[in-house]
C-alpha atoms as a PDB file:
ATOM      1  CA  MET A   1       0.000   0.000   0.000  1.00  0.00           C
ATOM      2  CA  ALA A   2       1.074   3.573  -0.577  1.00  0.00           C
ATOM      3  CA  ASN A   3      -0.088   7.083   0.098  1.00  0.00           C
ATOM      4  CA  SER A   4       1.042  10.592  -0.740  1.00  0.00           C
ATOM      5  CA  LYS A   5       3.468  10.563   2.199  1.00  0.00           C
ATOM      6  CA  GLU A   6       6.451   8.385   2.968  1.00  0.00           C
ATOM      7  CA  PRO A   7       5.900   4.619   3.434  1.00  0.00           C
ATOM      8  CA  ASP A   8       6.820   4.953   7.121  1.00  0.00           C
ATOM      9  CA  SER A   9       3.607   6.953   7.659  1.00  0.00           C
ATOM     10  CA  LEU A  10       1.693   3.708   7.015  1.00  0.00           C
ATOM     11  CA  ARG A  11       3.612   1.596   9.537  1.00  0.00           C
ATOM     12  CA  GLU A  12       0.780   1.357  12.089  1.00  0.00           C
ATOM     13  CA  LEU A  13      -1.905   0.553   9.510  1.00  0.00           C
ATOM     14  CA  ALA A  14       0.381  -1.982   7.858  1.00  0.00           C
ATOM     15  CA  ALA A  15       0.946  -3.713  11.190  1.00  0.00           C
ATOM     16  CA  GLN A  16      -2.820  -3.970  11.695  1.00  0.00           C
ATOM     17  CA  THR A  17      -3.582  -5.240   8.196  1.00  0.00           C
ATOM     18  CA  GLY A  18      -0.493  -7.162   7.135  1.00  0.00           C
ATOM     19  CA  ALA A  19       0.046  -4.841   4.169  1.00  0.00           C
ATOM     20  CA  ILE A  20       3.503  -3.782   3.056  1.00  0.00           C
ATOM     21  CA  PRO A  21       4.010  -0.002   2.903  1.00  0.00           C
ATOM     22  CA  VAL A  22       5.929   1.172  -0.167  1.00  0.00           C
ATOM     23  CA  SER A  23       6.352   4.354  -2.184  1.00  0.00           C
ATOM     24  CA  VAL A  24       3.788   5.366  -4.799  1.00  0.00           C
ATOM     25  CA  GLU A  25       6.284   4.437  -7.499  1.00  0.00           C
ATOM     26  CA  GLU A  26       6.739   0.947  -6.032  1.00  0.00           C
ATOM     27  CA  VAL A  27       3.083   0.168  -5.354  1.00  0.00           C
ATOM     28  CA  VAL A  28       2.274  -0.242  -9.054  1.00  0.00           C
ATOM     29  CA  GLN A  29       5.083  -2.705  -9.732  1.00  0.00           C
ATOM     30  CA  ASP A  30       4.703  -6.483  -9.840  1.00  0.00           C
ATOM     31  CA  VAL A  31       1.036  -6.555  -8.829  1.00  0.00           C
ATOM     32  CA  ASP A  32      -1.783  -8.403 -10.531  1.00  0.00           C
ATOM     33  CA  ILE A  33      -4.491  -6.076  -9.242  1.00  0.00           C
ATOM     34  CA  LEU A  34      -4.068  -2.420  -8.347  1.00  0.00           C
ATOM     35  CA  PHE A  35      -6.793  -0.756  -6.291  1.00  0.00           C
ATOM     36  CA  LEU A  36      -6.902   2.989  -6.908  1.00  0.00           C
ATOM     37  CA  VAL A  37      -8.411   4.402  -3.721  1.00  0.00           C
ATOM     38  CA  LEU A  38      -7.995   8.149  -3.923  1.00  0.00           C
ATOM     39  CA  PRO A  39     -10.071  11.272  -4.468  1.00  0.00           C
ATOM     40  CA  GLN A  40     -10.625  12.244  -8.076  1.00  0.00           C
ATOM     41  CA  LYS A  41      -8.650  15.456  -7.576  1.00  0.00           C
ATOM     42  CA  ALA A  42      -5.540  13.372  -6.842  1.00  0.00           C
ATOM     43  CA  PHE A  43      -5.377  11.642 -10.229  1.00  0.00           C
ATOM     44  CA  PRO A  44      -4.034  14.616 -12.195  1.00  0.00           C
ATOM     45  CA  VAL A  45      -1.200  15.095  -9.687  1.00  0.00           C
ATOM     46  CA  LEU A  46       0.031  11.493  -9.680  1.00  0.00           C
ATOM     47  CA  PRO A  47       3.606  11.208 -10.927  1.00  0.00           C
ATOM     48  CA  LYS A  48       3.595  11.339 -14.733  1.00  0.00           C
ATOM     49  CA  GLY A  49       4.020   7.912 -16.295  1.00  0.00           C
ATOM     50  CA  LEU A  50       3.397   6.168 -12.967  1.00  0.00           C
ATOM     51  CA  LEU A  51       1.255   3.392 -14.419  1.00  0.00           C
ATOM     52  CA  GLU A  52       3.794   2.729 -17.170  1.00  0.00           C
ATOM     53  CA  LYS A  53       5.732   0.906 -14.430  1.00  0.00           C
ATOM     54  CA  ALA A  54       2.856  -1.545 -13.932  1.00  0.00           C
ATOM     55  CA  LYS A  55       2.667  -4.840 -15.765  1.00  0.00           C
ATOM     56  CA  LYS A  56       0.553  -4.727 -18.912  1.00  0.00           C
ATOM     57  CA  GLU A  57      -1.672  -7.427 -17.387  1.00  0.00           C
ATOM     58  CA  THR A  58      -2.292  -5.556 -14.120  1.00  0.00           C
ATOM     59  CA  ILE A  59      -5.986  -4.986 -13.528  1.00  0.00           C
ATOM     60  CA  ASP A  60      -6.647  -1.421 -12.376  1.00  0.00           C
ATOM     61  CA  ILE A  61      -9.695  -1.023 -10.146  1.00  0.00           C
ATOM     62  CA  ASP A  62     -10.958   2.462  -9.342  1.00  0.00           C
ATOM     63  CA  VAL A  63     -12.990   2.658  -6.145  1.00  0.00           C
ATOM     64  CA  GLY A  64     -13.046   6.452  -5.918  1.00  0.00           C
ATOM     65  CA  LYS A  65     -16.157   8.575  -6.070  1.00  0.00           C
ATOM     66  CA  TYR A  66     -16.345  12.139  -7.309  1.00  0.00           C
ATOM     67  CA  TYR A  67     -18.150  14.468  -4.923  1.00  0.00           C
ATOM     68  CA  SER A  68     -18.273  17.982  -6.295  1.00  0.00           C
ATOM     69  CA  PHE A  69     -19.070  19.344  -2.817  1.00  0.00           C
ATOM     70  CA  ARG A  70     -15.774  18.113  -1.306  1.00  0.00           C
ATOM     71  CA  GLU A  71     -13.369  18.445  -4.238  1.00  0.00           C
ATOM     72  CA  ASP A  72     -12.461  20.961  -6.851  1.00  0.00           C
ATOM     73  CA  ARG A  73     -15.031  20.977  -9.618  1.00  0.00           C
ATOM     74  CA  ILE A  74     -14.084  18.758 -12.566  1.00  0.00           C
ATOM     75  CA  ASP A  75     -15.896  20.194 -15.561  1.00  0.00           C
ATOM     76  CA  GLU A  76     -15.671  17.023 -17.659  1.00  0.00           C
ATOM     77  CA  LEU A  77     -17.465  15.042 -14.953  1.00  0.00           C
ATOM     78  CA  GLU A  78     -19.997  17.796 -14.366  1.00  0.00           C
ATOM     79  CA  ASN A  79     -20.736  17.761 -18.104  1.00  0.00           C
ATOM     80  CA  GLY A  80     -21.496  14.039 -18.198  1.00  0.00           C
ATOM     81  CA  LEU A  81     -18.206  12.210 -18.763  1.00  0.00           C
ATOM     82  CA  THR A  82     -18.221   9.033 -16.698  1.00  0.00           C
ATOM     83  CA  GLU A  83     -15.740   8.754 -13.846  1.00  0.00           C
ATOM     84  CA  SER A  84     -14.143   5.610 -15.272  1.00  0.00           C
ATOM     85  CA  VAL A  85     -13.445   7.252 -18.633  1.00  0.00           C
ATOM     86  CA  TRP A  86     -12.069  10.348 -16.878  1.00  0.00           C
ATOM     87  CA  VAL A  87      -9.750   8.226 -14.701  1.00  0.00           C
ATOM     88  CA  GLU A  88      -8.591   6.261 -17.750  1.00  0.00           C
ATOM     89  CA  LYS A  89      -7.654   9.545 -19.409  1.00  0.00           C
ATOM     90  CA  GLN A  90      -5.676  10.576 -16.318  1.00  0.00           C
ATOM     91  CA  ILE A  91      -3.661   7.361 -15.914  1.00  0.00           C
ATOM     92  CA  GLY A  92      -3.466   6.192 -19.528  1.00  0.00           C
ATOM     93  CA  ARG A  93      -4.868   2.734 -18.823  1.00  0.00           C
ATOM     94  CA  PRO A  94      -8.293   1.094 -18.726  1.00  0.00           C
ATOM     95  CA  VAL A  95      -9.915   0.791 -15.319  1.00  0.00           C
ATOM     96  CA  ILE A  96     -12.697  -1.220 -13.808  1.00  0.00           C
ATOM     97  CA  LYS A  97     -14.964   1.107 -11.878  1.00  0.00           C
ATOM     98  CA  VAL A  98     -16.279  -0.385  -8.664  1.00  0.00           C
ATOM     99  CA  LEU A  99     -19.347   1.293  -7.247  1.00  0.00           C
ATOM    100  CA  ASN A 100     -18.561   3.330  -4.183  1.00  0.00           C
ATOM    101  CA  SER A 101     -21.541   5.375  -3.103  1.00  0.00           C
ATOM    102  CA  ILE A 102     -21.074   5.439   0.669  1.00  0.00           C
ATOM    103  CA  ILE A 103     -19.554   8.614   2.072  1.00  0.00           C
ATOM    104  CA  SER A 104     -16.578   7.880   4.338  1.00  0.00           C
ATOM    105  CA  ASN A 105     -18.220   9.516   7.380  1.00  0.00           C
ATOM    106  CA  ALA A 106     -21.034   6.989   7.148  1.00  0.00           C
ATOM    107  CA  LEU A 107     -18.555   4.124   7.008  1.00  0.00           C
ATOM    108  CA  ALA A 108     -16.598   5.445   9.973  1.00  0.00           C
ATOM    109  CA  GLY A 109     -19.647   6.163  12.122  1.00  0.00           C
ATOM    110  CA  ALA A 110     -21.984   3.345  11.167  1.00  0.00           C
ATOM    111  CA  GLY A 111     -19.737   0.693   9.626  1.00  0.00           C
END
């Protein structure tokens, strides 16, 4: 697993889950399935060419959900482009969009 900080910032969560914290650049390498769990606004600021380091066969699953009230407005999405197509344009690879319609506060408070 990786985040926008250093891998060491995930030490506690990794200990609880058994995950291995790595850098963003490393997390895409040598995996069969890559779960993209980030806000839509983060896709354009991912390191350029990041997914070029993934295997061609890696399955990319996007579990994000665009909420215009919590993120910067994304005109393409507001004008009807689907989230999966928008994410594909950002990362340069096809994605499988997994429905994620539960706001994180609801998961945290009533999970």
